[in-house]
Amino acid sequence: MPAQSKAADSPSTPLAGHRTEVDRSYRGLANQVLELIAAGEFKSGDRLPAERALAERFKVSRTSVREAIIALEVNGTVEVRGGSGIYVCPPNVRLASFEFAQGPGPIEALRARALIESEVAAQAAADRKDGDLDAIFATIADMRDHMQDKAGNEAADREFHLAIAGATGNKVLVQAVAAIWDGSRSSQLWTRMEQHFSSLEMRSASLADHQRIFDGILARDPDQARAAMRGHLERVIREFTQAWR
């Protein structure tokens, strides 16, 4: 049997088209783009290929591409120009030292929430007490009162999801929902993604989603509550993965 080429095991494997043990996370893709810029394939001022083209080239999901682009924007490697595209920044504006954050990206966390919190909502519909309804409804009212106040609205949003977890009577679920929420939103990637896509219209849509979730819990209908929660979080994912405006 002929000996394998050493190139197959070299760090440049992803650039040579080999897919063995390639890091397909957003961090892995971001590092590959950095390597291409260092190699001169993408130069300062160049427009990067569209997200779909990058996903096909590196055989990753468009979600990973979106998160990688956000990470590269945070470290000053690229500039996202709404309605135009993604451009390589001059070397003098890039951070001299930067490490991509560990842990899941924002969209990965949202997908986990869609799976977990849809079941939490279903359980809340089965187990809730009248006092739980009062607590959940109070967060909806608070969210409505803070539609023009992004920070206040977000705080009420968080309390809504925790109140639903609390309605299950399971403290572990409360801790799990809080951990995923706080962990994802504390990252620079989440902050930058919200800068691109968060809007009053998005907050209004979330308020309407919350009312539908509440209605399912009020009706003691686990299927309705589950579907409403999943629909809510999947809509947020769609908002965050839409084409750059």
C-alpha atoms as a PDB file:
ATOM      1  CA  MET A   1       0.000   0.000   0.000  1.00  0.00           C
ATOM      2  CA  PRO A   2       1.445   3.414  -0.923  1.00  0.00           C
ATOM      3  CA  ALA A   3       2.469   5.671   1.946  1.00  0.00           C
ATOM      4  CA  GLN A   4       0.082   8.503   2.759  1.00  0.00           C
ATOM      5  CA  SER A   5       1.175  12.029   1.948  1.00  0.00           C
ATOM      6  CA  LYS A   6       2.326  14.016   4.956  1.00  0.00           C
ATOM      7  CA  ALA A   7       0.137  16.856   3.683  1.00  0.00           C
ATOM      8  CA  ALA A   8      -2.914  14.860   4.746  1.00  0.00           C
ATOM      9  CA  ASP A   9      -1.904  15.319   8.373  1.00  0.00           C
ATOM     10  CA  SER A  10      -0.635  18.883   8.154  1.00  0.00           C
ATOM     11  CA  PRO A  11      -2.361  21.898   9.740  1.00  0.00           C
ATOM     12  CA  SER A  12      -3.253  23.098   6.248  1.00  0.00           C
ATOM     13  CA  THR A  13      -5.552  20.116   5.686  1.00  0.00           C
ATOM     14  CA  PRO A  14      -8.780  22.188   5.700  1.00  0.00           C
ATOM     15  CA  LEU A  15      -7.373  24.474   2.995  1.00  0.00           C
ATOM     16  CA  ALA A  16      -6.290  21.546   0.857  1.00  0.00           C
ATOM     17  CA  GLY A  17      -9.819  20.176   0.683  1.00  0.00           C
ATOM     18  CA  HIS A  18      -9.380  17.243   3.110  1.00  0.00           C
ATOM     19  CA  ARG A  19     -12.149  16.959   5.713  1.00  0.00           C
ATOM     20  CA  THR A  20     -10.608  14.552   8.250  1.00  0.00           C
ATOM     21  CA  GLU A  21     -11.096  15.776  11.825  1.00  0.00           C
ATOM     22  CA  VAL A  22     -11.852  19.306  10.662  1.00  0.00           C
ATOM     23  CA  ASP A  23     -13.312  21.631  13.272  1.00  0.00           C
ATOM     24  CA  ARG A  24     -16.750  22.442  11.849  1.00  0.00           C
ATOM     25  CA  SER A  25     -17.713  24.842  14.633  1.00  0.00           C
ATOM     26  CA  TYR A  26     -17.926  28.566  14.023  1.00  0.00           C
ATOM     27  CA  ARG A  27     -14.505  28.915  15.690  1.00  0.00           C
ATOM     28  CA  GLY A  28     -12.985  26.396  13.286  1.00  0.00           C
ATOM     29  CA  LEU A  29     -14.447  28.211  10.280  1.00  0.00           C
ATOM     30  CA  ALA A  30     -13.329  31.611  11.573  1.00  0.00           C
ATOM     31  CA  ASN A  31      -9.782  30.317  11.941  1.00  0.00           C
ATOM     32  CA  GLN A  32      -9.841  28.920   8.397  1.00  0.00           C
ATOM     33  CA  VAL A  33     -10.914  32.295   7.032  1.00  0.00           C
ATOM     34  CA  LEU A  34      -8.102  33.919   9.025  1.00  0.00           C
ATOM     35  CA  GLU A  35      -5.656  31.477   7.404  1.00  0.00           C
ATOM     36  CA  LEU A  36      -6.948  32.365   3.943  1.00  0.00           C
ATOM     37  CA  ILE A  37      -6.490  36.065   4.674  1.00  0.00           C
ATOM     38  CA  ALA A  38      -2.961  35.417   5.952  1.00  0.00           C
ATOM     39  CA  ALA A  39      -2.234  33.409   2.790  1.00  0.00           C
ATOM     40  CA  GLY A  40      -3.400  36.309   0.613  1.00  0.00           C
ATOM     41  CA  GLU A  41      -6.480  34.683  -0.907  1.00  0.00           C
ATOM     42  CA  PHE A  42      -8.643  37.400   0.661  1.00  0.00           C
ATOM     43  CA  LYS A  43      -6.962  40.799   0.808  1.00  0.00           C
ATOM     44  CA  SER A  44      -7.765  44.023   2.611  1.00  0.00           C
ATOM     45  CA  GLY A  45     -10.878  45.554   1.070  1.00  0.00           C
ATOM     46  CA  ASP A  46     -11.972  42.321  -0.629  1.00  0.00           C
ATOM     47  CA  ARG A  47     -15.589  41.273  -0.376  1.00  0.00           C
ATOM     48  CA  LEU A  48     -15.930  37.766   1.047  1.00  0.00           C
ATOM     49  CA  PRO A  49     -18.054  35.192  -0.783  1.00  0.00           C
ATOM     50  CA  ALA A  50     -21.716  35.031   0.211  1.00  0.00           C
ATOM     51  CA  GLU A  51     -22.666  32.967   3.261  1.00  0.00           C
ATOM     52  CA  ARG A  52     -24.108  30.198   1.088  1.00  0.00           C
ATOM     53  CA  ALA A  53     -20.873  29.948  -0.906  1.00  0.00           C
ATOM     54  CA  LEU A  54     -18.774  29.795   2.279  1.00  0.00           C
ATOM     55  CA  ALA A  55     -21.041  27.097   3.715  1.00  0.00           C
ATOM     56  CA  GLU A  56     -20.687  25.002   0.566  1.00  0.00           C
ATOM     57  CA  ARG A  57     -16.918  25.517   0.342  1.00  0.00           C
ATOM     58  CA  PHE A  58     -16.189  24.484   3.907  1.00  0.00           C
ATOM     59  CA  LYS A  59     -19.067  22.003   4.182  1.00  0.00           C
ATOM     60  CA  VAL A  60     -20.543  23.608   7.261  1.00  0.00           C
ATOM     61  CA  SER A  61     -23.994  24.934   8.083  1.00  0.00           C
ATOM     62  CA  ARG A  62     -24.974  28.503   7.265  1.00  0.00           C
ATOM     63  CA  THR A  63     -25.508  28.905  11.017  1.00  0.00           C
ATOM     64  CA  SER A  64     -21.788  28.247  11.580  1.00  0.00           C
ATOM     65  CA  VAL A  65     -20.956  30.725   8.828  1.00  0.00           C
ATOM     66  CA  ARG A  66     -23.120  33.417  10.421  1.00  0.00           C
ATOM     67  CA  GLU A  67     -21.524  32.925  13.834  1.00  0.00           C
ATOM     68  CA  ALA A  68     -18.019  32.836  12.314  1.00  0.00           C
ATOM     69  CA  ILE A  69     -18.609  36.112  10.495  1.00  0.00           C
ATOM     70  CA  ILE A  70     -19.864  37.717  13.717  1.00  0.00           C
ATOM     71  CA  ALA A  71     -16.756  36.461  15.559  1.00  0.00           C
ATOM     72  CA  LEU A  72     -14.489  37.864  12.836  1.00  0.00           C
ATOM     73  CA  GLU A  73     -16.339  41.168  13.014  1.00  0.00           C
ATOM     74  CA  VAL A  74     -15.834  41.323  16.787  1.00  0.00           C
ATOM     75  CA  ASN A  75     -12.061  40.887  16.411  1.00  0.00           C
ATOM     76  CA  GLY A  76     -11.866  43.482  13.646  1.00  0.00           C
ATOM     77  CA  THR A  77     -11.050  41.128  10.762  1.00  0.00           C
ATOM     78  CA  VAL A  78     -14.144  41.868   8.695  1.00  0.00           C
ATOM     79  CA  GLU A  79     -16.745  44.589   8.391  1.00  0.00           C
ATOM     80  CA  VAL A  80     -20.371  43.732   7.758  1.00  0.00           C
ATOM     81  CA  ARG A  81     -21.993  46.346   5.528  1.00  0.00           C
ATOM     82  CA  GLY A  82     -25.757  46.029   5.458  1.00  0.00           C
ATOM     83  CA  GLY A  83     -27.088  45.623   1.950  1.00  0.00           C
ATOM     84  CA  SER A  84     -23.587  45.268   0.508  1.00  0.00           C
ATOM     85  CA  GLY A  85     -21.720  42.326   2.018  1.00  0.00           C
ATOM     86  CA  ILE A  86     -18.796  41.333   4.217  1.00  0.00           C
ATOM     87  CA  TYR A  87     -15.410  42.964   3.630  1.00  0.00           C
ATOM     88  CA  VAL A  88     -11.889  42.282   4.879  1.00  0.00           C
ATOM     89  CA  CYS A  89     -10.649  45.098   7.104  1.00  0.00           C
ATOM     90  CA  PRO A  90      -7.181  46.693   6.810  1.00  0.00           C
ATOM     91  CA  PRO A  91      -4.584  45.091   9.121  1.00  0.00           C
ATOM     92  CA  ASN A  92      -4.305  48.227  11.258  1.00  0.00           C
ATOM     93  CA  VAL A  93      -7.893  47.871  12.571  1.00  0.00           C
ATOM     94  CA  ARG A  94      -7.599  44.209  13.576  1.00  0.00           C
ATOM     95  CA  LEU A  95      -6.980  43.240  17.185  1.00  0.00           C
ATOM     96  CA  ALA A  96      -3.366  42.243  17.794  1.00  0.00           C
ATOM     97  CA  SER A  97      -4.403  39.550  20.273  1.00  0.00           C
ATOM     98  CA  PHE A  98      -7.759  37.794  20.189  1.00  0.00           C
ATOM     99  CA  GLU A  99      -9.057  34.361  21.110  1.00  0.00           C
ATOM    100  CA  PHE A 100     -12.458  33.209  19.955  1.00  0.00           C
ATOM    101  CA  ALA A 101     -14.783  32.564  22.875  1.00  0.00           C
ATOM    102  CA  GLN A 102     -15.179  29.006  24.056  1.00  0.00           C
ATOM    103  CA  GLY A 103     -18.595  27.443  24.385  1.00  0.00           C
ATOM    104  CA  PRO A 104     -21.568  27.429  22.036  1.00  0.00           C
ATOM    105  CA  GLY A 105     -22.437  30.226  19.643  1.00  0.00           C
ATOM    106  CA  PRO A 106     -25.665  32.237  20.033  1.00  0.00           C
ATOM    107  CA  ILE A 107     -27.651  30.291  17.448  1.00  0.00           C
ATOM    108  CA  GLU A 108     -26.483  26.952  18.818  1.00  0.00           C
ATOM    109  CA  ALA A 109     -27.729  28.066  22.237  1.00  0.00           C
ATOM    110  CA  LEU A 110     -31.072  29.151  20.764  1.00  0.00           C
ATOM    111  CA  ARG A 111     -31.498  25.757  19.114  1.00  0.00           C
ATOM    112  CA  ALA A 112     -30.879  24.083  22.476  1.00  0.00           C
ATOM    113  CA  ARG A 113     -33.410  26.388  24.090  1.00  0.00           C
ATOM    114  CA  ALA A 114     -36.000  25.501  21.433  1.00  0.00           C
ATOM    115  CA  LEU A 115     -35.646  21.824  22.342  1.00  0.00           C
ATOM    116  CA  ILE A 116     -35.519  22.251  26.108  1.00  0.00           C
ATOM    117  CA  GLU A 117     -37.927  25.114  26.716  1.00  0.00           C
ATOM    118  CA  SER A 118     -40.666  23.730  24.478  1.00  0.00           C
ATOM    119  CA  GLU A 119     -40.859  20.725  26.819  1.00  0.00           C
ATOM    120  CA  VAL A 120     -40.593  22.992  29.853  1.00  0.00           C
ATOM    121  CA  ALA A 121     -43.595  24.973  28.594  1.00  0.00           C
ATOM    122  CA  ALA A 122     -45.556  21.757  28.047  1.00  0.00           C
ATOM    123  CA  GLN A 123     -44.785  20.634  31.587  1.00  0.00           C
ATOM    124  CA  ALA A 124     -45.731  24.050  32.949  1.00  0.00           C
ATOM    125  CA  ALA A 125     -49.114  23.781  31.231  1.00  0.00           C
ATOM    126  CA  ALA A 126     -49.734  20.484  33.002  1.00  0.00           C
ATOM    127  CA  ASP A 127     -48.456  21.501  36.454  1.00  0.00           C
ATOM    128  CA  ARG A 128     -49.049  25.227  36.819  1.00  0.00           C
ATOM    129  CA  LYS A 129     -50.915  26.785  39.728  1.00  0.00           C
ATOM    130  CA  ASP A 130     -52.917  30.013  39.711  1.00  0.00           C
ATOM    131  CA  GLY A 131     -50.007  31.841  41.318  1.00  0.00           C
ATOM    132  CA  ASP A 132     -47.762  30.722  38.454  1.00  0.00           C
ATOM    133  CA  LEU A 133     -50.180  32.276  35.973  1.00  0.00           C
ATOM    134  CA  ASP A 134     -50.027  35.563  37.858  1.00  0.00           C
ATOM    135  CA  ALA A 135     -46.203  35.510  37.794  1.00  0.00           C
ATOM    136  CA  ILE A 136     -46.024  34.713  34.076  1.00  0.00           C
ATOM    137  CA  PHE A 137     -48.630  37.311  33.151  1.00  0.00           C
ATOM    138  CA  ALA A 138     -46.813  39.967  35.200  1.00  0.00           C
ATOM    139  CA  THR A 139     -43.679  39.459  33.071  1.00  0.00           C
ATOM    140  CA  ILE A 140     -45.716  39.927  29.887  1.00  0.00           C
ATOM    141  CA  ALA A 141     -47.118  43.183  31.238  1.00  0.00           C
ATOM    142  CA  ASP A 142     -43.615  44.285  32.254  1.00  0.00           C
ATOM    143  CA  MET A 143     -42.290  43.463  28.795  1.00  0.00           C
ATOM    144  CA  ARG A 144     -45.099  45.487  27.212  1.00  0.00           C
ATOM    145  CA  ASP A 145     -44.338  48.446  29.489  1.00  0.00           C
ATOM    146  CA  HIS A 146     -40.679  48.402  28.370  1.00  0.00           C
ATOM    147  CA  MET A 147     -41.074  48.115  24.611  1.00  0.00           C
ATOM    148  CA  GLN A 148     -38.978  51.258  24.085  1.00  0.00           C
ATOM    149  CA  ASP A 149     -36.415  50.264  26.730  1.00  0.00           C
ATOM    150  CA  LYS A 150     -34.265  47.448  25.320  1.00  0.00           C
ATOM    151  CA  ALA A 151     -32.570  46.556  28.621  1.00  0.00           C
ATOM    152  CA  GLY A 152     -35.818  46.612  30.586  1.00  0.00           C
ATOM    153  CA  ASN A 153     -37.577  44.586  27.914  1.00  0.00           C
ATOM    154  CA  GLU A 154     -34.817  41.992  27.922  1.00  0.00           C
ATOM    155  CA  ALA A 155     -34.955  41.687  31.704  1.00  0.00           C
ATOM    156  CA  ALA A 156     -38.711  41.055  31.536  1.00  0.00           C
ATOM    157  CA  ASP A 157     -38.125  38.554  28.722  1.00  0.00           C
ATOM    158  CA  ARG A 158     -35.727  36.597  30.919  1.00  0.00           C
ATOM    159  CA  GLU A 159     -38.178  36.611  33.838  1.00  0.00           C
ATOM    160  CA  PHE A 160     -40.925  35.273  31.525  1.00  0.00           C
ATOM    161  CA  HIS A 161     -38.897  32.196  30.630  1.00  0.00           C
ATOM    162  CA  LEU A 162     -37.823  31.635  34.239  1.00  0.00           C
ATOM    163  CA  ALA A 163     -41.418  31.990  35.467  1.00  0.00           C
ATOM    164  CA  ILE A 164     -42.516  29.267  33.060  1.00  0.00           C
ATOM    165  CA  ALA A 165     -39.734  26.996  34.289  1.00  0.00           C
ATOM    166  CA  GLY A 166     -40.800  27.818  37.845  1.00  0.00           C
ATOM    167  CA  ALA A 167     -44.353  26.732  37.043  1.00  0.00           C
ATOM    168  CA  THR A 168     -43.102  23.157  36.601  1.00  0.00           C
ATOM    169  CA  GLY A 169     -42.099  23.043  40.256  1.00  0.00           C
ATOM    170  CA  ASN A 170     -38.699  21.693  39.212  1.00  0.00           C
ATOM    171  CA  LYS A 171     -35.772  23.783  40.455  1.00  0.00           C
ATOM    172  CA  VAL A 172     -33.322  21.988  38.163  1.00  0.00           C
ATOM    173  CA  LEU A 173     -35.275  23.177  35.121  1.00  0.00           C
ATOM    174  CA  VAL A 174     -35.220  26.738  36.470  1.00  0.00           C
ATOM    175  CA  GLN A 175     -31.453  26.517  36.861  1.00  0.00           C
ATOM    176  CA  ALA A 176     -31.044  25.018  33.384  1.00  0.00           C
ATOM    177  CA  VAL A 177     -33.101  27.718  31.674  1.00  0.00           C
ATOM    178  CA  ALA A 178     -31.249  30.454  33.566  1.00  0.00           C
ATOM    179  CA  ALA A 179     -27.847  28.949  32.751  1.00  0.00           C
ATOM    180  CA  ILE A 180     -28.491  28.718  29.003  1.00  0.00           C
ATOM    181  CA  TRP A 181     -30.009  32.197  28.885  1.00  0.00           C
ATOM    182  CA  ASP A 182     -27.257  33.897  30.883  1.00  0.00           C
ATOM    183  CA  GLY A 183     -24.433  31.955  29.285  1.00  0.00           C
ATOM    184  CA  SER A 184     -25.412  32.770  25.712  1.00  0.00           C
ATOM    185  CA  ARG A 185     -26.258  36.424  26.265  1.00  0.00           C
ATOM    186  CA  SER A 186     -23.070  37.270  28.102  1.00  0.00           C
ATOM    187  CA  SER A 187     -20.941  36.690  25.001  1.00  0.00           C
ATOM    188  CA  GLN A 188     -19.622  39.339  22.612  1.00  0.00           C
ATOM    189  CA  LEU A 189     -21.103  37.353  19.748  1.00  0.00           C
ATOM    190  CA  TRP A 190     -24.615  37.690  21.137  1.00  0.00           C
ATOM    191  CA  THR A 191     -24.145  41.410  21.735  1.00  0.00           C
ATOM    192  CA  ARG A 192     -22.921  42.000  18.183  1.00  0.00           C
ATOM    193  CA  MET A 193     -25.635  39.833  16.643  1.00  0.00           C
ATOM    194  CA  GLU A 194     -28.296  41.795  18.511  1.00  0.00           C
ATOM    195  CA  GLN A 195     -26.798  45.027  17.209  1.00  0.00           C
ATOM    196  CA  HIS A 196     -27.455  43.780  13.693  1.00  0.00           C
ATOM    197  CA  PHE A 197     -30.914  42.321  14.157  1.00  0.00           C
ATOM    198  CA  SER A 198     -32.621  43.465  17.367  1.00  0.00           C
ATOM    199  CA  SER A 199     -35.398  45.976  16.759  1.00  0.00           C
ATOM    200  CA  LEU A 200     -38.691  47.258  18.125  1.00  0.00           C
ATOM    201  CA  GLU A 201     -40.464  45.035  15.578  1.00  0.00           C
ATOM    202  CA  MET A 202     -38.621  42.005  16.905  1.00  0.00           C
ATOM    203  CA  ARG A 203     -39.551  42.861  20.483  1.00  0.00           C
ATOM    204  CA  SER A 204     -43.196  43.272  19.419  1.00  0.00           C
ATOM    205  CA  ALA A 205     -43.133  39.866  17.737  1.00  0.00           C
ATOM    206  CA  SER A 206     -41.689  38.300  20.891  1.00  0.00           C
ATOM    207  CA  LEU A 207     -44.421  39.880  22.990  1.00  0.00           C
ATOM    208  CA  ALA A 208     -47.065  38.333  20.736  1.00  0.00           C
ATOM    209  CA  ASP A 209     -45.260  34.983  20.938  1.00  0.00           C
ATOM    210  CA  HIS A 210     -45.238  35.180  24.729  1.00  0.00           C
ATOM    211  CA  GLN A 211     -48.972  35.790  24.804  1.00  0.00           C
ATOM    212  CA  ARG A 212     -49.550  32.637  22.730  1.00  0.00           C
ATOM    213  CA  ILE A 213     -47.323  30.625  25.071  1.00  0.00           C
ATOM    214  CA  PHE A 214     -49.228  31.996  28.070  1.00  0.00           C
ATOM    215  CA  ASP A 215     -52.553  31.104  26.454  1.00  0.00           C
ATOM    216  CA  GLY A 216     -51.443  27.480  26.116  1.00  0.00           C
ATOM    217  CA  ILE A 217     -50.349  27.337  29.751  1.00  0.00           C
ATOM    218  CA  LEU A 218     -53.561  29.041  30.883  1.00  0.00           C
ATOM    219  CA  ALA A 219     -55.625  26.470  28.949  1.00  0.00           C
ATOM    220  CA  ARG A 220     -53.651  23.603  30.534  1.00  0.00           C
ATOM    221  CA  ASP A 221     -52.851  22.486  26.981  1.00  0.00           C
ATOM    222  CA  PRO A 222     -49.300  21.048  26.868  1.00  0.00           C
ATOM    223  CA  ASP A 223     -49.358  20.616  23.080  1.00  0.00           C
ATOM    224  CA  GLN A 224     -50.379  24.237  22.522  1.00  0.00           C
ATOM    225  CA  ALA A 225     -47.774  25.540  24.972  1.00  0.00           C
ATOM    226  CA  ARG A 226     -45.027  23.346  23.473  1.00  0.00           C
ATOM    227  CA  ALA A 227     -45.789  24.447  19.905  1.00  0.00           C
ATOM    228  CA  ALA A 228     -45.998  28.113  20.878  1.00  0.00           C
ATOM    229  CA  MET A 229     -42.632  28.044  22.666  1.00  0.00           C
ATOM    230  CA  ARG A 230     -40.927  26.185  19.837  1.00  0.00           C
ATOM    231  CA  GLY A 231     -42.434  28.587  17.299  1.00  0.00           C
ATOM    232  CA  HIS A 232     -41.217  31.555  19.328  1.00  0.00           C
ATOM    233  CA  LEU A 233     -37.591  30.437  19.548  1.00  0.00           C
ATOM    234  CA  GLU A 234     -37.477  29.201  15.957  1.00  0.00           C
ATOM    235  CA  ARG A 235     -38.707  32.620  14.836  1.00  0.00           C
ATOM    236  CA  VAL A 236     -35.862  34.285  16.751  1.00  0.00           C
ATOM    237  CA  ILE A 237     -33.401  31.921  15.040  1.00  0.00           C
ATOM    238  CA  ARG A 238     -34.837  32.887  11.639  1.00  0.00           C
ATOM    239  CA  GLU A 239     -34.461  36.562  12.503  1.00  0.00           C
ATOM    240  CA  PHE A 240     -30.811  36.076  13.449  1.00  0.00           C
ATOM    241  CA  THR A 241     -29.994  34.033  10.349  1.00  0.00           C
ATOM    242  CA  GLN A 242     -31.738  36.158   7.736  1.00  0.00           C
ATOM    243  CA  ALA A 243     -29.710  37.679   4.926  1.00  0.00           C
ATOM    244  CA  TRP A 244     -27.684  40.757   5.888  1.00  0.00           C
ATOM    245  CA  ARG A 245     -29.652  43.909   5.205  1.00  0.00           C
END
